[in-house]
């Protein structure tokens, strides 16, 4: 009998069913798993862990505190593998002077305004449909464009253009996934903003390589 499971709603915590009727505890739709004032996650983005954490926000972004000035923004339909860490700007030390030691953390006076603490850092922004491979590290202020693929163990900083493949430490762009005009078309189509029923109806085109076919299906 064909599998007739409906696609899970975007607010389901554990979206992967198992044969025994339970769900896979190590995979979550991240928007349903994270309640953090400095983290924003788009619909259907999922994260996986071999040992599911009690606190997904702390697991993925351990240096992002409720009082941190920066944000972590993750788009829709991203795929975040086990061991990925977002090292956000609150992890930074000053490194523009002689010593990077954070004296203010340990006392000796009020913490605010101390010269040993860096100023507020930039947001970290992940686009839509980004696949981040096992054990990758995303550094403070990184901006990953839509459709980026990050290799396992990569250490990623800076601006990564849409539909790039990056790998290594430090990560380098290995190639672009499509031709420039195709990338422009895919960004205009923005399939991740379609209703889920429309996405599922065009699944073959979305996961295939026929950019022109997807553009035509979008009406663009």
N, C-alpha and C. Protein backbone atom coordinates (compact mmCIF):
# COMPACT_ATOMS: atom_id res chain seq x y z
N UNK A 1 0.84 -1.18 0.00
CA UNK A 1 0.00 0.00 0.00
C UNK A 1 0.89 1.24 0.00
N UNK A 2 0.61 2.21 -0.87
CA UNK A 2 1.46 3.39 -0.93
C UNK A 2 1.41 4.20 0.37
N UNK A 3 2.53 4.85 0.66
CA UNK A 3 2.63 5.67 1.86
C UNK A 3 1.79 6.94 1.65
N UNK A 4 0.81 7.16 2.50
CA UNK A 4 -0.07 8.31 2.34
C UNK A 4 0.11 9.31 3.48
N UNK A 5 1.25 9.29 4.14
CA UNK A 5 1.48 10.23 5.24
C UNK A 5 1.39 11.67 4.75
N UNK A 6 0.66 12.51 5.46
CA UNK A 6 0.65 13.93 5.10
C UNK A 6 1.98 14.57 5.47
N UNK A 7 2.33 15.63 4.78
CA UNK A 7 3.53 16.37 5.14
C UNK A 7 3.27 17.09 6.46
N UNK A 8 4.22 17.04 7.40
CA UNK A 8 3.96 17.63 8.72
C UNK A 8 3.81 19.15 8.65
N UNK A 9 3.04 19.69 9.56
CA UNK A 9 2.92 21.14 9.68
C UNK A 9 4.24 21.73 10.16
N UNK A 10 4.44 23.00 9.84
CA UNK A 10 5.71 23.65 10.15
C UNK A 10 5.95 23.80 11.64
N UNK A 11 4.90 23.70 12.45
CA UNK A 11 5.07 23.87 13.90
C UNK A 11 5.17 22.54 14.65
N UNK A 12 5.32 21.42 13.92
CA UNK A 12 5.52 20.12 14.56
C UNK A 12 6.94 20.05 15.11
N UNK A 13 7.09 19.56 16.33
CA UNK A 13 8.42 19.50 16.93
C UNK A 13 9.26 18.39 16.32
N UNK A 14 8.73 17.16 16.29
CA UNK A 14 9.47 16.01 15.77
C UNK A 14 8.77 15.54 14.48
N UNK A 15 9.26 15.94 13.31
CA UNK A 15 8.52 15.71 12.07
C UNK A 15 8.81 14.39 11.37
N UNK A 16 9.75 13.59 11.87
CA UNK A 16 10.12 12.36 11.18
C UNK A 16 9.50 11.16 11.90
N UNK A 17 8.52 10.49 11.27
CA UNK A 17 7.89 9.32 11.90
C UNK A 17 8.76 8.07 11.74
N UNK A 18 8.66 7.17 12.71
CA UNK A 18 9.37 5.90 12.67
C UNK A 18 8.36 4.77 12.47
N UNK A 19 8.83 3.62 12.01
CA UNK A 19 7.91 2.51 11.71
C UNK A 19 7.05 2.07 12.89
N UNK A 20 7.54 2.25 14.13
CA UNK A 20 6.77 1.80 15.28
C UNK A 20 5.71 2.82 15.73
N UNK A 21 5.58 3.90 14.96
CA UNK A 21 4.59 4.91 15.30
C UNK A 21 5.13 6.05 16.13
N UNK A 22 6.35 5.93 16.63
CA UNK A 22 6.97 7.02 17.37
C UNK A 22 7.61 8.00 16.39
N UNK A 23 8.26 9.01 16.91
CA UNK A 23 8.97 9.96 16.05
C UNK A 23 10.44 10.00 16.42
N UNK A 24 11.25 10.47 15.49
CA UNK A 24 12.69 10.52 15.69
C UNK A 24 13.03 11.71 16.59
N UNK A 25 13.48 11.42 17.80
CA UNK A 25 13.71 12.46 18.79
C UNK A 25 14.87 13.37 18.42
N UNK A 26 15.77 12.89 17.56
CA UNK A 26 16.95 13.66 17.22
C UNK A 26 16.79 14.59 16.05
N UNK A 27 15.58 14.69 15.50
CA UNK A 27 15.32 15.63 14.40
C UNK A 27 14.14 16.51 14.77
N UNK A 28 14.33 17.82 14.66
CA UNK A 28 13.28 18.76 15.02
C UNK A 28 13.12 19.81 13.93
N UNK A 29 11.88 20.27 13.75
CA UNK A 29 11.68 21.54 13.07
C UNK A 29 12.11 22.61 14.06
N UNK A 30 13.13 23.34 13.70
CA UNK A 30 13.83 24.16 14.67
C UNK A 30 12.96 25.30 15.23
N UNK A 31 12.07 25.84 14.42
CA UNK A 31 11.22 26.91 14.91
C UNK A 31 10.34 26.45 16.07
N UNK A 32 9.98 25.17 16.06
CA UNK A 32 9.17 24.61 17.15
C UNK A 32 10.02 24.24 18.36
N UNK A 33 11.32 24.06 18.17
CA UNK A 33 12.20 23.60 19.24
C UNK A 33 12.90 24.73 19.98
N UNK A 34 12.93 25.92 19.37
CA UNK A 34 13.71 27.02 19.92
C UNK A 34 12.79 28.15 20.36
N UNK A 35 12.96 28.57 21.59
CA UNK A 35 12.27 29.75 22.11
C UNK A 35 13.34 30.65 22.71
N UNK A 36 13.89 31.51 21.88
CA UNK A 36 15.02 32.35 22.28
C UNK A 36 14.82 33.74 21.68
N UNK A 37 14.97 34.77 22.47
CA UNK A 37 14.67 36.12 21.97
C UNK A 37 15.62 36.62 20.90
N UNK A 38 16.77 35.99 20.73
CA UNK A 38 17.76 36.45 19.76
C UNK A 38 17.90 35.50 18.58
N UNK A 39 17.03 34.50 18.47
CA UNK A 39 17.08 33.55 17.36
C UNK A 39 15.78 33.59 16.59
N UNK A 40 15.88 33.69 15.27
CA UNK A 40 14.72 33.63 14.38
C UNK A 40 14.95 32.51 13.37
N UNK A 41 13.97 31.62 13.24
CA UNK A 41 14.11 30.46 12.33
C UNK A 41 12.88 30.38 11.44
N UNK A 42 13.11 30.18 10.15
CA UNK A 42 12.02 30.07 9.19
C UNK A 42 11.36 28.69 9.20
N UNK A 43 10.22 28.62 8.55
CA UNK A 43 9.42 27.40 8.50
C UNK A 43 10.17 26.25 7.85
N UNK A 44 10.00 25.07 8.41
CA UNK A 44 10.49 23.78 7.88
C UNK A 44 12.00 23.61 7.97
N UNK A 45 12.70 24.56 8.51
CA UNK A 45 14.13 24.33 8.77
C UNK A 45 14.26 23.29 9.87
N UNK A 46 15.11 22.29 9.63
CA UNK A 46 15.28 21.25 10.64
C UNK A 46 16.73 21.13 11.07
N UNK A 47 16.90 20.61 12.28
CA UNK A 47 18.23 20.29 12.81
C UNK A 47 18.20 18.87 13.33
N UNK A 48 19.35 18.22 13.27
CA UNK A 48 19.47 16.84 13.74
C UNK A 48 20.63 16.71 14.71
N UNK A 49 20.49 15.77 15.66
CA UNK A 49 21.56 15.48 16.61
C UNK A 49 21.47 14.02 17.00
N UNK A 50 22.62 13.34 17.05
CA UNK A 50 22.63 11.93 17.46
C UNK A 50 22.24 11.78 18.93
N UNK A 51 22.59 12.76 19.73
CA UNK A 51 22.18 12.80 21.13
C UNK A 51 21.33 14.05 21.30
N UNK A 52 20.01 13.93 21.24
CA UNK A 52 19.16 15.11 21.26
C UNK A 52 19.37 15.96 22.51
N UNK A 53 19.60 17.25 22.34
CA UNK A 53 19.81 18.11 23.51
C UNK A 53 18.49 18.50 24.16
N UNK A 54 18.55 18.87 25.42
CA UNK A 54 17.37 19.42 26.08
C UNK A 54 17.10 20.85 25.61
N UNK A 55 18.15 21.57 25.27
CA UNK A 55 18.03 22.97 24.87
C UNK A 55 18.68 23.12 23.49
N UNK A 56 17.87 23.14 22.45
CA UNK A 56 18.41 23.23 21.09
C UNK A 56 19.10 24.56 20.83
N UNK A 57 18.58 25.64 21.42
CA UNK A 57 19.21 26.95 21.22
C UNK A 57 20.64 26.95 21.77
N UNK A 58 20.81 26.46 22.99
CA UNK A 58 22.14 26.41 23.59
C UNK A 58 23.05 25.42 22.88
N UNK A 59 22.47 24.36 22.35
CA UNK A 59 23.24 23.35 21.61
C UNK A 59 23.82 23.93 20.34
N UNK A 60 23.01 24.70 19.61
CA UNK A 60 23.45 25.22 18.31
C UNK A 60 24.21 26.53 18.43
N UNK A 61 23.82 27.37 19.36
CA UNK A 61 24.44 28.70 19.49
C UNK A 61 24.78 28.95 20.96
N UNK A 62 25.81 28.29 21.48
CA UNK A 62 26.08 28.32 22.92
C UNK A 62 26.51 29.66 23.46
N UNK A 63 26.93 30.59 22.60
CA UNK A 63 27.39 31.89 23.08
C UNK A 63 26.36 33.00 22.86
N UNK A 64 25.16 32.61 22.40
CA UNK A 64 24.11 33.60 22.18
C UNK A 64 23.20 33.61 23.41
N UNK A 65 23.29 34.68 24.18
CA UNK A 65 22.55 34.77 25.43
C UNK A 65 21.28 35.61 25.23
N UNK A 66 20.37 35.51 26.17
CA UNK A 66 19.15 36.31 26.10
C UNK A 66 19.46 37.80 25.98
N UNK A 67 20.55 38.22 26.61
CA UNK A 67 20.91 39.63 26.64
C UNK A 67 21.92 40.02 25.56
N UNK A 68 22.27 39.09 24.68
CA UNK A 68 23.23 39.39 23.62
C UNK A 68 22.67 40.46 22.68
N UNK A 69 23.52 41.34 22.18
CA UNK A 69 23.03 42.36 21.24
C UNK A 69 22.82 41.83 19.83
N UNK A 70 23.52 40.78 19.46
CA UNK A 70 23.41 40.25 18.10
C UNK A 70 22.30 39.22 17.99
N UNK A 71 21.96 38.86 16.76
CA UNK A 71 20.93 37.86 16.50
C UNK A 71 21.48 36.76 15.60
N UNK A 72 20.82 35.61 15.66
CA UNK A 72 21.04 34.52 14.72
C UNK A 72 19.74 34.38 13.92
N UNK A 73 19.83 34.59 12.61
CA UNK A 73 18.66 34.54 11.74
C UNK A 73 18.86 33.41 10.73
N UNK A 74 17.95 32.46 10.71
CA UNK A 74 18.03 31.30 9.83
C UNK A 74 16.77 31.25 8.98
N UNK A 75 16.92 31.05 7.69
CA UNK A 75 15.79 31.07 6.77
C UNK A 75 14.98 29.79 6.77
N UNK A 76 14.16 29.64 5.75
CA UNK A 76 13.25 28.50 5.62
C UNK A 76 13.95 27.32 4.95
N UNK A 77 13.49 26.13 5.26
CA UNK A 77 13.90 24.89 4.60
C UNK A 77 15.40 24.63 4.68
N UNK A 78 16.05 25.11 5.74
CA UNK A 78 17.47 24.80 5.92
C UNK A 78 17.62 23.42 6.56
N UNK A 79 18.79 22.83 6.37
CA UNK A 79 19.09 21.48 6.84
C UNK A 79 20.39 21.55 7.64
N UNK A 80 20.28 21.35 8.94
CA UNK A 80 21.41 21.54 9.85
C UNK A 80 21.79 20.20 10.46
N UNK A 81 22.97 19.73 10.12
CA UNK A 81 23.40 18.40 10.52
C UNK A 81 23.92 18.37 11.95
N UNK A 82 24.16 17.17 12.44
CA UNK A 82 24.68 16.96 13.79
C UNK A 82 26.01 17.68 13.98
N UNK A 83 26.18 18.29 15.14
CA UNK A 83 27.46 18.90 15.48
C UNK A 83 27.71 20.28 14.94
N UNK A 84 26.75 20.86 14.22
CA UNK A 84 26.92 22.23 13.72
C UNK A 84 26.86 23.20 14.90
N UNK A 85 27.75 24.20 14.89
CA UNK A 85 27.76 25.23 15.92
C UNK A 85 27.81 26.61 15.27
N UNK A 86 26.92 27.48 15.73
CA UNK A 86 26.94 28.88 15.33
C UNK A 86 27.67 29.65 16.44
N UNK A 87 28.87 30.11 16.12
CA UNK A 87 29.67 30.84 17.10
C UNK A 87 29.37 32.32 16.89
N UNK A 88 28.43 32.83 17.66
CA UNK A 88 27.94 34.18 17.45
C UNK A 88 28.85 35.21 18.11
N UNK A 89 28.54 36.48 17.86
CA UNK A 89 29.48 37.55 18.20
C UNK A 89 29.74 37.70 19.69
N UNK A 90 28.83 37.24 20.54
CA UNK A 90 29.08 37.36 21.98
C UNK A 90 30.21 36.46 22.45
N UNK A 91 30.69 35.57 21.59
CA UNK A 91 31.86 34.76 21.93
C UNK A 91 33.16 35.52 21.73
N UNK A 92 33.10 36.67 21.08
CA UNK A 92 34.32 37.38 20.71
C UNK A 92 35.04 37.98 21.91
N UNK A 93 36.36 38.09 21.78
CA UNK A 93 37.21 38.89 22.66
C UNK A 93 37.74 40.07 21.83
N UNK A 94 38.22 41.06 22.50
CA UNK A 94 38.96 42.10 21.77
C UNK A 94 40.27 41.49 21.26
N UNK A 95 40.59 41.84 20.04
CA UNK A 95 41.86 41.36 19.49
C UNK A 95 42.58 42.46 18.70
N UNK A 96 42.20 43.71 19.00
CA UNK A 96 42.81 44.84 18.31
C UNK A 96 43.90 45.52 19.15
N UNK A 97 44.15 44.98 20.33
CA UNK A 97 45.17 45.57 21.19
C UNK A 97 46.22 44.55 21.59
N UNK A 98 46.86 44.77 22.73
CA UNK A 98 47.95 43.92 23.16
C UNK A 98 47.43 42.60 23.72
N UNK A 99 46.42 42.67 24.60
CA UNK A 99 45.88 41.46 25.21
C UNK A 99 44.42 41.28 24.83
N UNK A 100 44.02 40.02 24.67
CA UNK A 100 42.61 39.69 24.40
C UNK A 100 41.90 39.21 25.66
N UNK A 101 42.52 39.29 26.83
CA UNK A 101 41.95 38.75 28.05
C UNK A 101 40.73 39.58 28.49
N UNK A 102 39.58 38.91 28.79
CA UNK A 102 38.36 39.63 29.15
C UNK A 102 38.29 39.91 30.65
N UNK A 103 39.08 40.83 31.15
CA UNK A 103 39.15 41.11 32.58
C UNK A 103 37.77 41.37 33.18
N UNK A 104 36.90 42.05 32.46
CA UNK A 104 35.59 42.45 32.99
C UNK A 104 34.71 41.25 33.33
N UNK A 105 34.94 40.12 32.67
CA UNK A 105 34.13 38.93 32.95
C UNK A 105 34.33 38.47 34.39
N UNK A 106 35.51 38.69 34.94
CA UNK A 106 35.87 38.13 36.24
C UNK A 106 35.73 39.11 37.39
N UNK A 107 35.47 40.38 37.10
CA UNK A 107 35.27 41.35 38.17
C UNK A 107 36.26 42.48 38.10
N UNK A 108 36.47 43.09 39.28
CA UNK A 108 37.38 44.23 39.34
C UNK A 108 36.70 45.55 39.04
N UNK A 109 35.38 45.52 39.01
CA UNK A 109 34.63 46.73 38.68
C UNK A 109 33.39 46.36 37.90
N UNK A 110 32.59 47.33 37.51
CA UNK A 110 31.38 47.04 36.74
C UNK A 110 31.74 46.43 35.38
N UNK A 111 30.87 45.57 34.88
CA UNK A 111 31.14 44.91 33.61
C UNK A 111 30.93 45.85 32.42
N UNK A 112 29.92 46.71 32.53
CA UNK A 112 29.58 47.56 31.39
C UNK A 112 30.62 48.64 31.18
N UNK A 113 30.94 48.85 29.91
CA UNK A 113 31.85 49.92 29.54
C UNK A 113 33.31 49.64 29.80
N UNK A 114 33.65 48.43 30.18
CA UNK A 114 35.04 48.09 30.47
C UNK A 114 35.85 48.00 29.18
N UNK A 115 37.08 48.46 29.19
CA UNK A 115 37.88 48.44 27.96
C UNK A 115 38.27 47.05 27.50
N UNK A 116 38.18 46.04 28.38
CA UNK A 116 38.57 44.69 27.98
C UNK A 116 37.45 43.96 27.24
N UNK A 117 36.26 44.58 27.11
CA UNK A 117 35.16 43.92 26.41
C UNK A 117 34.97 44.52 25.02
N UNK A 118 34.72 43.67 24.03
CA UNK A 118 34.48 44.20 22.68
C UNK A 118 33.12 44.86 22.59
N UNK A 119 32.94 45.69 21.60
CA UNK A 119 31.63 46.27 21.34
C UNK A 119 30.70 45.25 20.72
N UNK A 120 29.42 45.60 20.56
CA UNK A 120 28.46 44.68 19.96
C UNK A 120 28.91 44.22 18.59
N UNK A 121 28.68 42.94 18.31
CA UNK A 121 29.08 42.37 17.02
C UNK A 121 27.91 42.22 16.07
N UNK A 122 28.17 41.78 14.85
CA UNK A 122 27.14 41.70 13.82
C UNK A 122 26.26 40.46 13.99
N UNK A 123 25.09 40.52 13.38
CA UNK A 123 24.22 39.35 13.32
C UNK A 123 24.84 38.27 12.44
N UNK A 124 24.45 37.04 12.68
CA UNK A 124 24.78 35.92 11.80
C UNK A 124 23.50 35.55 11.05
N UNK A 125 23.58 35.50 9.72
CA UNK A 125 22.39 35.33 8.90
C UNK A 125 22.58 34.17 7.93
N UNK A 126 21.63 33.23 7.98
CA UNK A 126 21.65 32.06 7.10
C UNK A 126 20.43 32.17 6.19
N UNK A 127 20.65 32.05 4.89
CA UNK A 127 19.56 32.18 3.93
C UNK A 127 18.62 30.99 3.94
N UNK A 128 17.82 30.88 2.89
CA UNK A 128 16.87 29.78 2.74
C UNK A 128 17.50 28.60 2.02
N UNK A 129 17.02 27.41 2.32
CA UNK A 129 17.47 26.19 1.64
C UNK A 129 18.98 26.02 1.70
N UNK A 130 19.54 26.25 2.89
CA UNK A 130 20.98 26.10 3.12
C UNK A 130 21.22 24.77 3.83
N UNK A 131 22.16 24.00 3.31
CA UNK A 131 22.53 22.71 3.92
C UNK A 131 23.88 22.90 4.60
N UNK A 132 23.91 22.71 5.93
CA UNK A 132 25.14 22.85 6.70
C UNK A 132 25.55 21.47 7.19
N UNK A 133 26.69 20.99 6.71
CA UNK A 133 27.13 19.62 6.95
C UNK A 133 27.65 19.39 8.36
N UNK A 134 27.83 18.14 8.69
CA UNK A 134 28.19 17.68 10.03
C UNK A 134 29.43 18.40 10.56
N UNK A 135 29.28 18.91 11.78
CA UNK A 135 30.43 19.49 12.47
C UNK A 135 30.90 20.83 11.95
N UNK A 136 30.17 21.47 11.08
CA UNK A 136 30.59 22.78 10.56
C UNK A 136 30.50 23.83 11.67
N UNK A 137 31.34 24.86 11.54
CA UNK A 137 31.33 25.99 12.46
C UNK A 137 31.05 27.25 11.64
N UNK A 138 30.03 27.98 12.07
CA UNK A 138 29.68 29.22 11.40
C UNK A 138 30.11 30.36 12.32
N UNK A 139 31.02 31.21 11.85
CA UNK A 139 31.66 32.21 12.70
C UNK A 139 30.83 33.48 12.81
N UNK A 140 31.13 34.32 13.80
CA UNK A 140 30.33 35.52 14.03
C UNK A 140 30.20 36.40 12.79
N UNK A 141 28.98 36.83 12.53
CA UNK A 141 28.74 37.75 11.43
C UNK A 141 28.71 37.13 10.05
N UNK A 142 28.81 35.82 9.96
CA UNK A 142 28.75 35.19 8.64
C UNK A 142 27.37 35.41 8.02
N UNK A 143 27.35 35.59 6.71
CA UNK A 143 26.10 35.71 5.93
C UNK A 143 26.17 34.67 4.82
N UNK A 144 25.32 33.66 4.93
CA UNK A 144 25.26 32.60 3.92
C UNK A 144 24.04 32.83 3.05
N UNK A 145 24.27 32.94 1.74
CA UNK A 145 23.17 33.20 0.83
C UNK A 145 22.26 32.01 0.65
N UNK A 146 21.13 32.23 0.00
CA UNK A 146 20.18 31.16 -0.29
C UNK A 146 20.87 30.04 -1.07
N UNK A 147 20.50 28.79 -0.76
CA UNK A 147 20.98 27.66 -1.54
C UNK A 147 22.42 27.27 -1.33
N UNK A 148 23.07 27.81 -0.30
CA UNK A 148 24.48 27.46 -0.03
C UNK A 148 24.57 26.05 0.54
N UNK A 149 25.62 25.34 0.20
CA UNK A 149 25.95 24.05 0.78
C UNK A 149 27.30 24.17 1.49
N UNK A 150 27.32 23.81 2.78
CA UNK A 150 28.53 23.89 3.60
C UNK A 150 29.03 22.49 3.87
N UNK A 151 30.26 22.20 3.50
CA UNK A 151 30.84 20.88 3.69
C UNK A 151 31.05 20.55 5.15
N UNK A 152 31.08 19.25 5.45
CA UNK A 152 31.30 18.79 6.82
C UNK A 152 32.62 19.33 7.36
N UNK A 153 32.58 19.82 8.59
CA UNK A 153 33.78 20.30 9.25
C UNK A 153 34.27 21.66 8.80
N UNK A 154 33.55 22.32 7.92
CA UNK A 154 33.99 23.62 7.43
C UNK A 154 33.92 24.67 8.53
N UNK A 155 34.75 25.68 8.41
CA UNK A 155 34.73 26.83 9.31
C UNK A 155 34.47 28.06 8.44
N UNK A 156 33.27 28.61 8.57
CA UNK A 156 32.77 29.56 7.59
C UNK A 156 32.68 30.95 8.18
N UNK A 157 33.24 31.92 7.46
CA UNK A 157 33.18 33.32 7.87
C UNK A 157 32.83 34.17 6.65
N UNK A 158 32.35 35.38 6.92
CA UNK A 158 32.15 36.35 5.85
C UNK A 158 30.90 36.12 5.02
N UNK A 159 30.89 36.71 3.85
CA UNK A 159 29.76 36.66 2.94
C UNK A 159 29.95 35.49 1.97
N UNK A 160 28.98 34.59 1.94
CA UNK A 160 29.02 33.47 1.02
C UNK A 160 27.91 33.67 -0.02
N UNK A 161 28.26 33.76 -1.30
CA UNK A 161 27.25 34.06 -2.32
C UNK A 161 26.21 32.97 -2.43
N UNK A 162 25.00 33.32 -2.87
CA UNK A 162 23.94 32.31 -3.03
C UNK A 162 24.37 31.16 -3.94
N UNK A 163 23.88 29.98 -3.63
CA UNK A 163 24.11 28.76 -4.43
C UNK A 163 25.60 28.49 -4.64
N UNK A 164 26.37 28.67 -3.56
CA UNK A 164 27.78 28.29 -3.56
C UNK A 164 27.97 27.01 -2.75
N UNK A 165 29.03 26.29 -3.07
CA UNK A 165 29.47 25.15 -2.27
C UNK A 165 30.77 25.57 -1.60
N UNK A 166 30.81 25.50 -0.24
CA UNK A 166 32.00 25.91 0.50
C UNK A 166 32.48 24.74 1.36
N UNK A 167 33.78 24.68 1.56
CA UNK A 167 34.37 23.63 2.40
C UNK A 167 35.74 24.08 2.86
N UNK A 168 36.22 23.43 3.93
CA UNK A 168 37.58 23.67 4.40
C UNK A 168 37.65 24.58 5.60
N UNK A 169 38.87 24.76 6.11
CA UNK A 169 39.16 25.62 7.24
C UNK A 169 40.42 26.44 6.93
N UNK A 170 40.25 27.72 6.63
CA UNK A 170 38.99 28.45 6.50
C UNK A 170 38.23 28.03 5.25
N UNK A 171 36.91 28.12 5.32
CA UNK A 171 36.09 27.68 4.20
C UNK A 171 36.35 28.55 2.97
N UNK A 172 36.36 27.91 1.83
CA UNK A 172 36.51 28.58 0.55
C UNK A 172 35.38 28.15 -0.37
N UNK A 173 34.99 29.06 -1.25
CA UNK A 173 33.98 28.71 -2.26
C UNK A 173 34.63 27.79 -3.29
N UNK A 174 34.13 26.56 -3.38
CA UNK A 174 34.67 25.60 -4.33
C UNK A 174 34.08 25.80 -5.72
N UNK A 175 32.79 26.12 -5.75
CA UNK A 175 32.12 26.34 -7.03
C UNK A 175 30.76 26.95 -6.77
N UNK A 176 30.18 27.50 -7.84
CA UNK A 176 28.79 27.92 -7.80
C UNK A 176 27.95 26.78 -8.36
N UNK A 177 26.80 26.56 -7.82
CA UNK A 177 25.98 25.41 -8.18
C UNK A 177 25.30 25.58 -9.53
N UNK A 178 25.11 26.82 -9.95
CA UNK A 178 24.45 27.10 -11.22
C UNK A 178 25.13 28.29 -11.87
N UNK A 179 24.78 28.54 -13.12
CA UNK A 179 25.29 29.71 -13.83
C UNK A 179 24.68 30.98 -13.23
N UNK A 180 25.38 32.12 -13.36
CA UNK A 180 24.88 33.36 -12.74
C UNK A 180 23.45 33.71 -13.11
N UNK A 181 23.08 33.56 -14.38
CA UNK A 181 21.72 33.91 -14.76
C UNK A 181 20.70 32.93 -14.17
N UNK A 182 21.11 31.68 -14.01
CA UNK A 182 20.22 30.72 -13.37
C UNK A 182 20.02 31.05 -11.89
N UNK A 183 21.09 31.46 -11.21
CA UNK A 183 20.99 31.84 -9.81
C UNK A 183 20.07 33.04 -9.64
N UNK A 184 20.20 34.01 -10.52
CA UNK A 184 19.30 35.17 -10.46
C UNK A 184 17.85 34.73 -10.61
N UNK A 185 17.61 33.79 -11.52
CA UNK A 185 16.24 33.30 -11.72
C UNK A 185 15.73 32.55 -10.50
N UNK A 186 16.58 31.73 -9.89
CA UNK A 186 16.16 30.98 -8.71
C UNK A 186 15.84 31.91 -7.54
N UNK A 187 16.61 32.97 -7.40
CA UNK A 187 16.33 33.93 -6.33
C UNK A 187 15.02 34.66 -6.57
N UNK A 188 14.69 34.90 -7.83
CA UNK A 188 13.40 35.52 -8.14
C UNK A 188 12.25 34.55 -7.87
N UNK A 189 12.45 33.28 -8.22
CA UNK A 189 11.39 32.28 -8.00
C UNK A 189 11.11 32.11 -6.51
N UNK A 190 12.17 32.05 -5.68
CA UNK A 190 12.03 31.93 -4.22
C UNK A 190 10.99 30.89 -3.85
N UNK A 191 11.19 29.66 -4.29
CA UNK A 191 10.20 28.60 -4.10
C UNK A 191 9.86 28.39 -2.62
N UNK A 192 10.79 28.72 -1.74
CA UNK A 192 10.59 28.50 -0.29
C UNK A 192 9.47 29.38 0.28
N UNK A 193 9.06 30.39 -0.49
CA UNK A 193 7.95 31.23 -0.05
C UNK A 193 6.60 30.73 -0.55
N UNK A 194 6.58 29.69 -1.36
CA UNK A 194 5.32 29.14 -1.86
C UNK A 194 4.58 28.42 -0.73
N UNK A 195 3.27 28.26 -0.85
CA UNK A 195 2.55 27.39 0.08
C UNK A 195 3.07 25.96 -0.03
N UNK A 196 3.02 25.22 1.08
CA UNK A 196 3.61 23.88 1.09
C UNK A 196 2.96 22.95 0.08
N UNK A 197 1.66 23.07 -0.17
CA UNK A 197 1.01 22.21 -1.16
C UNK A 197 1.58 22.46 -2.55
N UNK A 198 1.85 23.70 -2.87
CA UNK A 198 2.45 24.02 -4.18
C UNK A 198 3.88 23.50 -4.26
N UNK A 199 4.61 23.62 -3.16
CA UNK A 199 5.98 23.09 -3.14
C UNK A 199 5.96 21.58 -3.40
N UNK A 200 5.09 20.86 -2.70
CA UNK A 200 5.04 19.41 -2.87
C UNK A 200 4.61 19.02 -4.28
N UNK A 201 3.72 19.82 -4.88
CA UNK A 201 3.28 19.54 -6.25
C UNK A 201 4.42 19.69 -7.24
N UNK A 202 5.40 20.51 -6.92
CA UNK A 202 6.54 20.75 -7.82
C UNK A 202 7.84 20.20 -7.23
N UNK A 203 7.73 19.20 -6.37
CA UNK A 203 8.90 18.64 -5.70
C UNK A 203 9.98 18.19 -6.69
N UNK A 204 9.58 17.51 -7.76
CA UNK A 204 10.55 16.99 -8.73
C UNK A 204 11.36 18.12 -9.35
N UNK A 205 10.71 19.23 -9.66
CA UNK A 205 11.43 20.36 -10.24
C UNK A 205 12.33 21.03 -9.21
N UNK A 206 11.85 21.15 -7.97
CA UNK A 206 12.62 21.85 -6.94
C UNK A 206 13.90 21.10 -6.60
N UNK A 207 13.86 19.79 -6.57
CA UNK A 207 15.06 19.03 -6.23
C UNK A 207 15.84 18.59 -7.47
N UNK A 208 15.31 18.85 -8.65
CA UNK A 208 16.00 18.51 -9.89
C UNK A 208 16.90 19.65 -10.35
N UNK A 209 17.42 19.50 -11.55
CA UNK A 209 18.36 20.51 -12.07
C UNK A 209 17.80 21.35 -13.19
N UNK A 210 16.50 21.27 -13.45
CA UNK A 210 15.89 21.99 -14.56
C UNK A 210 15.43 23.37 -14.08
N UNK A 211 16.37 24.32 -14.08
CA UNK A 211 16.04 25.66 -13.60
C UNK A 211 14.96 26.30 -14.46
N UNK A 212 15.09 26.16 -15.78
CA UNK A 212 14.10 26.75 -16.67
C UNK A 212 12.72 26.16 -16.42
N UNK A 213 12.65 24.87 -16.14
CA UNK A 213 11.36 24.24 -15.85
C UNK A 213 10.74 24.77 -14.58
N UNK A 214 11.55 25.01 -13.55
CA UNK A 214 11.03 25.55 -12.31
C UNK A 214 10.57 26.99 -12.51
N UNK A 215 11.33 27.75 -13.27
CA UNK A 215 10.93 29.14 -13.56
C UNK A 215 9.59 29.13 -14.29
N UNK A 216 9.45 28.24 -15.26
CA UNK A 216 8.20 28.17 -16.01
C UNK A 216 7.03 27.79 -15.09
N UNK A 217 7.28 26.84 -14.20
CA UNK A 217 6.22 26.40 -13.27
C UNK A 217 5.83 27.50 -12.30
N UNK A 218 6.76 28.41 -12.02
CA UNK A 218 6.49 29.51 -11.10
C UNK A 218 5.66 30.61 -11.76
N UNK A 219 5.58 30.55 -13.09
CA UNK A 219 4.87 31.60 -13.83
C UNK A 219 5.74 32.80 -14.11
N UNK A 220 7.03 32.67 -13.79
CA UNK A 220 7.93 33.80 -13.98
C UNK A 220 8.60 33.82 -15.33
